[in-house]
Each structure stands twice: as C-alpha cells, then as structure tokens.
Amino acid sequence: MEQNKEKKWFAIYTKPRWEKKVNARLIEKGIESWCPVQKKQSIWSDRKKIIEDPLFKSYVFVHISDSEKIDVLNTNGVVQFLHYLRRPAVIRDEEIELIRSYLLEKNVILTVERLNHFEENNKVVIRKGVFMDIEGTVIKGGNKKIYVRLESLDQLLIVEFPAEHVAHKTV
C-alpha cells in the first residue's frame, strides 16, 4: 500500500450541482474526498429550510496518489481535474486546513468569488493594503486586475487593484 506522504490534494471539477453526489461516490470507492459545505437558510415560497450548500460550486477536493487519478476520473459526475500550467493543480495541505478551520468557526460565513466576476458598476470593498475596508465601484473588471473608483474628499481617485484584494460588497 502507498504511504500517505505520497498523496496530494487535488481539486476536481464536477457536473453542475453534483458536488455532494460525487463526494459520496468517491468515498464509496475508498478515495479520500472532501466537499466543503456550510449551512445556510434557503427560502422557498412556502417554507424555510437549513441546507448544506457546497462552498465551491462544481469543485470537490481529493487526497490521492498519482495511481488513483484514473479511479477519480472514472467516477460518474467528475468532469476533470483542475489544471494549472497544463498539469493537475496540487492544493497545499495548509490551504485545505485553513478552509477547514474557517468552516469550524461559529457565525462565520465564507463567500467564494471567482476572480473574473467583478463587473462594471459592482460595489466592492477593498480587503487588503492601504485602502483596506474602503468601499468603491468597479469601473473596469478583469481576471487579474480591476480598476475601482474610490470617492473620498470630494475627489475621484481611480486605483488599480489585484482582483484578490477586492470583495463584493454585501448588503
């Protein structure tokens, strides 16, 4: 049997809304799998219900060795591995542990935003740097950098930010 130190965390892309099904199927196969979920209230026209909602839409994490990759890909609902530089992207153990620890915190709601979802006129909050906690409006969006209008001192200041330093403003 292979040693645990040879195993690495990978993200797999699933069919839309199949995260929990894929996670269950992988576990049935004996593959270490994790679909991070958080409880949230879902409201229908006739009732309210607490549901476990996947944190990352269409993604599940697997802790596997290279020899288990084919088993993962042959699981119903799995589309492919998430790739970085044309190879399956390895997720660091520390990143997995950080997500797990945040999910254990009481009264913490995690929101995952894809970097390219900052569209013009979206209200955002700066999360890092000199302008931390300042609100602004996106004037130009992109995958890596966005341009945010910060209105202060009755002046218009346009600052270019890396997308990971900005979050959508919650109401």
C-alpha atoms as a PDB file:
ATOM      1  CA  MET A   1       0.000   0.000   0.000  1.00  0.00           C
ATOM      2  CA  GLU A   2       1.224   3.501  -0.804  1.00  0.00           C
ATOM      3  CA  GLN A   3       2.262   5.749   2.016  1.00  0.00           C
ATOM      4  CA  ASN A   4       0.169   8.777   2.923  1.00  0.00           C
ATOM      5  CA  LYS A   5       3.044  11.190   2.257  1.00  0.00           C
ATOM      6  CA  GLU A   6       2.799  10.354  -1.446  1.00  0.00           C
ATOM      7  CA  LYS A   7      -0.781  11.588  -1.518  1.00  0.00           C
ATOM      8  CA  LYS A   8      -1.588  15.139  -2.512  1.00  0.00           C
ATOM      9  CA  TRP A   9      -4.722  17.234  -2.544  1.00  0.00           C
ATOM     10  CA  PHE A  10      -6.250  17.982  -5.931  1.00  0.00           C
ATOM     11  CA  ALA A  11      -9.413  19.815  -6.968  1.00  0.00           C
ATOM     12  CA  ILE A  12     -11.745  18.101  -9.375  1.00  0.00           C
ATOM     13  CA  TYR A  13     -14.372  19.797 -11.479  1.00  0.00           C
ATOM     14  CA  THR A  14     -17.833  18.180 -11.327  1.00  0.00           C
ATOM     15  CA  LYS A  15     -21.012  18.457 -13.308  1.00  0.00           C
ATOM     16  CA  PRO A  16     -23.052  21.438 -12.073  1.00  0.00           C
ATOM     17  CA  ARG A  17     -24.766  20.749  -8.716  1.00  0.00           C
ATOM     18  CA  TRP A  18     -23.142  17.291  -8.429  1.00  0.00           C
ATOM     19  CA  GLU A  19     -20.605  18.156  -5.723  1.00  0.00           C
ATOM     20  CA  LYS A  20     -22.191  16.140  -2.895  1.00  0.00           C
ATOM     21  CA  LYS A  21     -23.077  13.187  -5.159  1.00  0.00           C
ATOM     22  CA  VAL A  22     -19.512  12.985  -6.499  1.00  0.00           C
ATOM     23  CA  ASN A  23     -18.117  13.252  -2.968  1.00  0.00           C
ATOM     24  CA  ALA A  24     -20.313  10.347  -1.812  1.00  0.00           C
ATOM     25  CA  ARG A  25     -19.361   8.199  -4.822  1.00  0.00           C
ATOM     26  CA  LEU A  26     -15.642   8.801  -4.285  1.00  0.00           C
ATOM     27  CA  ILE A  27     -15.922   7.878  -0.608  1.00  0.00           C
ATOM     28  CA  GLU A  28     -17.795   4.681  -1.597  1.00  0.00           C
ATOM     29  CA  LYS A  29     -14.791   3.819  -3.794  1.00  0.00           C
ATOM     30  CA  GLY A  30     -12.452   4.281  -0.813  1.00  0.00           C
ATOM     31  CA  ILE A  31     -11.000   7.545  -2.132  1.00  0.00           C
ATOM     32  CA  GLU A  32     -10.377  10.300   0.399  1.00  0.00           C
ATOM     33  CA  SER A  33     -12.656  13.091  -0.751  1.00  0.00           C
ATOM     34  CA  TRP A  34     -13.915  16.334   0.751  1.00  0.00           C
ATOM     35  CA  CYS A  35     -16.715  18.607  -0.359  1.00  0.00           C
ATOM     36  CA  PRO A  36     -16.642  21.660   1.937  1.00  0.00           C
ATOM     37  CA  VAL A  37     -20.171  22.746   2.826  1.00  0.00           C
ATOM     38  CA  GLN A  38     -21.678  25.385   5.029  1.00  0.00           C
ATOM     39  CA  LYS A  39     -25.153  25.571   6.452  1.00  0.00           C
ATOM     40  CA  LYS A  40     -27.376  28.289   5.093  1.00  0.00           C
ATOM     41  CA  GLN A  41     -31.029  29.104   5.146  1.00  0.00           C
ATOM     42  CA  SER A  42     -32.846  28.527   1.892  1.00  0.00           C
ATOM     43  CA  ILE A  43     -36.188  30.251   1.421  1.00  0.00           C
ATOM     44  CA  TRP A  44     -38.931  28.925  -0.826  1.00  0.00           C
ATOM     45  CA  SER A  45     -42.334  30.497  -1.328  1.00  0.00           C
ATOM     46  CA  ASP A  46     -43.930  28.155   1.221  1.00  0.00           C
ATOM     47  CA  ARG A  47     -41.125  27.407   3.721  1.00  0.00           C
ATOM     48  CA  LYS A  48     -37.620  27.956   5.013  1.00  0.00           C
ATOM     49  CA  LYS A  49     -35.053  25.202   5.346  1.00  0.00           C
ATOM     50  CA  ILE A  50     -31.448  24.933   6.544  1.00  0.00           C
ATOM     51  CA  ILE A  51     -29.359  23.268   3.844  1.00  0.00           C
ATOM     52  CA  GLU A  52     -25.713  22.302   3.463  1.00  0.00           C
ATOM     53  CA  ASP A  53     -24.505  24.281   0.474  1.00  0.00           C
ATOM     54  CA  PRO A  54     -21.186  23.429  -1.229  1.00  0.00           C
ATOM     55  CA  LEU A  55     -18.682  26.218  -0.629  1.00  0.00           C
ATOM     56  CA  PHE A  56     -17.017  25.818  -4.038  1.00  0.00           C
ATOM     57  CA  LYS A  57     -19.529  25.393  -6.852  1.00  0.00           C
ATOM     58  CA  SER A  58     -18.677  22.391  -9.091  1.00  0.00           C
ATOM     59  CA  TYR A  59     -15.496  21.507  -7.144  1.00  0.00           C
ATOM     60  CA  VAL A  60     -14.574  18.643  -4.818  1.00  0.00           C
ATOM     61  CA  PHE A  61     -11.168  18.020  -3.248  1.00  0.00           C
ATOM     62  CA  VAL A  62      -9.475  14.610  -3.322  1.00  0.00           C
ATOM     63  CA  HIS A  63      -6.411  13.428  -1.379  1.00  0.00           C
ATOM     64  CA  ILE A  64      -4.882  10.836  -3.675  1.00  0.00           C
ATOM     65  CA  SER A  65      -1.727   9.346  -5.112  1.00  0.00           C
ATOM     66  CA  ASP A  66      -0.995   9.503  -8.841  1.00  0.00           C
ATOM     67  CA  SER A  67      -2.181   5.916  -9.269  1.00  0.00           C
ATOM     68  CA  GLU A  68      -5.700   6.857  -8.061  1.00  0.00           C
ATOM     69  CA  LYS A  69      -6.270   9.588 -10.653  1.00  0.00           C
ATOM     70  CA  ILE A  70      -7.894   7.212 -13.151  1.00  0.00           C
ATOM     71  CA  ASP A  71     -10.343   5.945 -10.487  1.00  0.00           C
ATOM     72  CA  VAL A  72     -11.307   9.542  -9.745  1.00  0.00           C
ATOM     73  CA  LEU A  73     -11.836  10.396 -13.422  1.00  0.00           C
ATOM     74  CA  ASN A  74     -13.926   7.242 -13.891  1.00  0.00           C
ATOM     75  CA  THR A  75     -16.413   8.396 -11.262  1.00  0.00           C
ATOM     76  CA  ASN A  76     -19.844   9.433 -12.527  1.00  0.00           C
ATOM     77  CA  GLY A  77     -20.191  13.213 -12.298  1.00  0.00           C
ATOM     78  CA  VAL A  78     -16.456  14.018 -12.438  1.00  0.00           C
ATOM     79  CA  VAL A  79     -15.537  16.173 -15.426  1.00  0.00           C
ATOM     80  CA  GLN A  80     -11.782  16.675 -14.989  1.00  0.00           C
ATOM     81  CA  PHE A  81      -9.023  17.763 -12.642  1.00  0.00           C
ATOM     82  CA  LEU A  82      -8.496  21.468 -12.143  1.00  0.00           C
ATOM     83  CA  HIS A  83      -5.316  22.322 -14.060  1.00  0.00           C
ATOM     84  CA  TYR A  84      -2.558  24.860 -13.526  1.00  0.00           C
ATOM     85  CA  LEU A  85       0.162  25.186 -16.171  1.00  0.00           C
ATOM     86  CA  ARG A  86      -1.311  22.177 -18.045  1.00  0.00           C
ATOM     87  CA  ARG A  87      -0.953  19.805 -15.068  1.00  0.00           C
ATOM     88  CA  PRO A  88      -3.448  18.850 -12.361  1.00  0.00           C
ATOM     89  CA  ALA A  89      -3.185  21.614  -9.756  1.00  0.00           C
ATOM     90  CA  VAL A  90      -1.875  20.485  -6.369  1.00  0.00           C
ATOM     91  CA  ILE A  91      -3.612  22.133  -3.414  1.00  0.00           C
ATOM     92  CA  ARG A  92      -1.324  22.681  -0.427  1.00  0.00           C
ATOM     93  CA  ASP A  93      -2.237  20.909   2.838  1.00  0.00           C
ATOM     94  CA  GLU A  94      -2.159  24.312   4.597  1.00  0.00           C
ATOM     95  CA  GLU A  95      -4.860  25.660   2.264  1.00  0.00           C
ATOM     96  CA  ILE A  96      -7.128  22.695   2.962  1.00  0.00           C
ATOM     97  CA  GLU A  97      -6.577  23.087   6.730  1.00  0.00           C
ATOM     98  CA  LEU A  98      -7.286  26.819   6.527  1.00  0.00           C
ATOM     99  CA  ILE A  99     -10.634  26.204   4.807  1.00  0.00           C
ATOM    100  CA  ARG A 100     -11.497  23.516   7.369  1.00  0.00           C
ATOM    101  CA  SER A 101     -10.647  25.788  10.293  1.00  0.00           C
ATOM    102  CA  TYR A 102     -12.756  28.657   8.900  1.00  0.00           C
ATOM    103  CA  LEU A 103     -15.709  26.323   8.443  1.00  0.00           C
ATOM    104  CA  LEU A 104     -15.454  25.317  12.126  1.00  0.00           C
ATOM    105  CA  GLU A 105     -15.760  28.932  13.308  1.00  0.00           C
ATOM    106  CA  LYS A 106     -19.160  29.877  14.702  1.00  0.00           C
ATOM    107  CA  ASN A 107     -21.107  32.612  12.927  1.00  0.00           C
ATOM    108  CA  VAL A 108     -18.630  32.767  10.047  1.00  0.00           C
ATOM    109  CA  ILE A 109     -19.976  32.780   6.522  1.00  0.00           C
ATOM    110  CA  LEU A 110     -17.471  32.193   3.758  1.00  0.00           C
ATOM    111  CA  THR A 111     -18.151  33.565   0.315  1.00  0.00           C
ATOM    112  CA  VAL A 112     -16.161  32.351  -2.652  1.00  0.00           C
ATOM    113  CA  GLU A 113     -15.874  34.692  -5.617  1.00  0.00           C
ATOM    114  CA  ARG A 114     -14.268  33.798  -8.895  1.00  0.00           C
ATOM    115  CA  LEU A 115     -11.682  36.382  -9.813  1.00  0.00           C
ATOM    116  CA  ASN A 116     -13.342  37.314 -13.095  1.00  0.00           C
ATOM    117  CA  HIS A 117     -16.759  38.131 -11.636  1.00  0.00           C
ATOM    118  CA  PHE A 118     -16.117  41.797 -10.930  1.00  0.00           C
ATOM    119  CA  GLU A 119     -18.223  43.624 -13.482  1.00  0.00           C
ATOM    120  CA  GLU A 120     -18.505  47.327 -14.133  1.00  0.00           C
ATOM    121  CA  ASN A 121     -20.585  49.271 -11.580  1.00  0.00           C
ATOM    122  CA  ASN A 122     -20.381  46.475  -8.951  1.00  0.00           C
ATOM    123  CA  LYS A 123     -19.982  47.827  -5.433  1.00  0.00           C
ATOM    124  CA  VAL A 124     -16.869  46.350  -3.782  1.00  0.00           C
ATOM    125  CA  VAL A 125     -14.818  46.571  -0.592  1.00  0.00           C
ATOM    126  CA  ILE A 126     -11.032  46.594  -0.604  1.00  0.00           C
ATOM    127  CA  ARG A 127      -9.750  43.721   1.578  1.00  0.00           C
ATOM    128  CA  LYS A 128      -6.004  44.353   1.620  1.00  0.00           C
ATOM    129  CA  GLY A 129      -3.469  47.156   1.570  1.00  0.00           C
ATOM    130  CA  VAL A 130      -3.572  50.864   2.297  1.00  0.00           C
ATOM    131  CA  PHE A 131      -7.213  51.197   1.215  1.00  0.00           C
ATOM    132  CA  MET A 132      -8.416  48.238   3.325  1.00  0.00           C
ATOM    133  CA  ASP A 133     -12.155  48.409   4.205  1.00  0.00           C
ATOM    134  CA  ILE A 134     -12.766  51.272   1.774  1.00  0.00           C
ATOM    135  CA  GLU A 135     -15.780  50.889  -0.496  1.00  0.00           C
ATOM    136  CA  GLY A 136     -15.708  51.646  -4.186  1.00  0.00           C
ATOM    137  CA  THR A 137     -17.235  50.974  -7.581  1.00  0.00           C
ATOM    138  CA  VAL A 138     -15.681  48.819 -10.293  1.00  0.00           C
ATOM    139  CA  ILE A 139     -15.047  50.854 -13.433  1.00  0.00           C
ATOM    140  CA  LYS A 140     -13.168  48.146 -15.336  1.00  0.00           C
ATOM    141  CA  GLY A 141     -13.028  44.442 -14.485  1.00  0.00           C
ATOM    142  CA  GLY A 142     -10.614  41.731 -15.451  1.00  0.00           C
ATOM    143  CA  ASN A 143      -9.201  38.353 -14.448  1.00  0.00           C
ATOM    144  CA  LYS A 144      -6.099  39.656 -12.709  1.00  0.00           C
ATOM    145  CA  LYS A 145      -6.615  43.369 -12.108  1.00  0.00           C
ATOM    146  CA  ILE A 146      -9.656  45.524 -11.610  1.00  0.00           C
ATOM    147  CA  TYR A 147      -9.995  49.268 -11.532  1.00  0.00           C
ATOM    148  CA  VAL A 148     -12.021  50.656  -8.642  1.00  0.00           C
ATOM    149  CA  ARG A 149     -13.313  54.206  -8.232  1.00  0.00           C
ATOM    150  CA  LEU A 150     -12.805  55.402  -4.648  1.00  0.00           C
ATOM    151  CA  GLU A 151     -14.734  58.561  -3.844  1.00  0.00           C
ATOM    152  CA  SER A 152     -13.307  60.479  -0.919  1.00  0.00           C
ATOM    153  CA  LEU A 153     -12.519  64.073  -0.079  1.00  0.00           C
ATOM    154  CA  ASP A 154     -14.914  65.035  -2.877  1.00  0.00           C
ATOM    155  CA  GLN A 155     -12.318  63.815  -5.383  1.00  0.00           C
ATOM    156  CA  LEU A 156     -12.352  60.916  -7.781  1.00  0.00           C
ATOM    157  CA  LEU A 157      -9.448  58.537  -7.201  1.00  0.00           C
ATOM    158  CA  ILE A 158      -9.065  55.573  -9.548  1.00  0.00           C
ATOM    159  CA  VAL A 159      -6.842  52.792  -8.209  1.00  0.00           C
ATOM    160  CA  GLU A 160      -5.801  49.554  -9.903  1.00  0.00           C
ATOM    161  CA  PHE A 161      -6.082  46.535  -7.572  1.00  0.00           C
ATOM    162  CA  PRO A 162      -5.215  42.854  -7.934  1.00  0.00           C
ATOM    163  CA  ALA A 163      -8.595  41.091  -8.064  1.00  0.00           C
ATOM    164  CA  GLU A 164      -7.832  39.005  -4.962  1.00  0.00           C
ATOM    165  CA  HIS A 165      -7.647  42.221  -2.872  1.00  0.00           C
ATOM    166  CA  VAL A 166     -11.279  43.110  -3.605  1.00  0.00           C
ATOM    167  CA  ALA A 167     -14.576  41.553  -2.460  1.00  0.00           C
ATOM    168  CA  HIS A 168     -18.161  42.199  -3.492  1.00  0.00           C
ATOM    169  CA  LYS A 169     -19.895  44.493  -1.045  1.00  0.00           C
ATOM    170  CA  THR A 170     -22.526  42.663   0.963  1.00  0.00           C
ATOM    171  CA  VAL A 171     -25.713  44.490   1.792  1.00  0.00           C
END
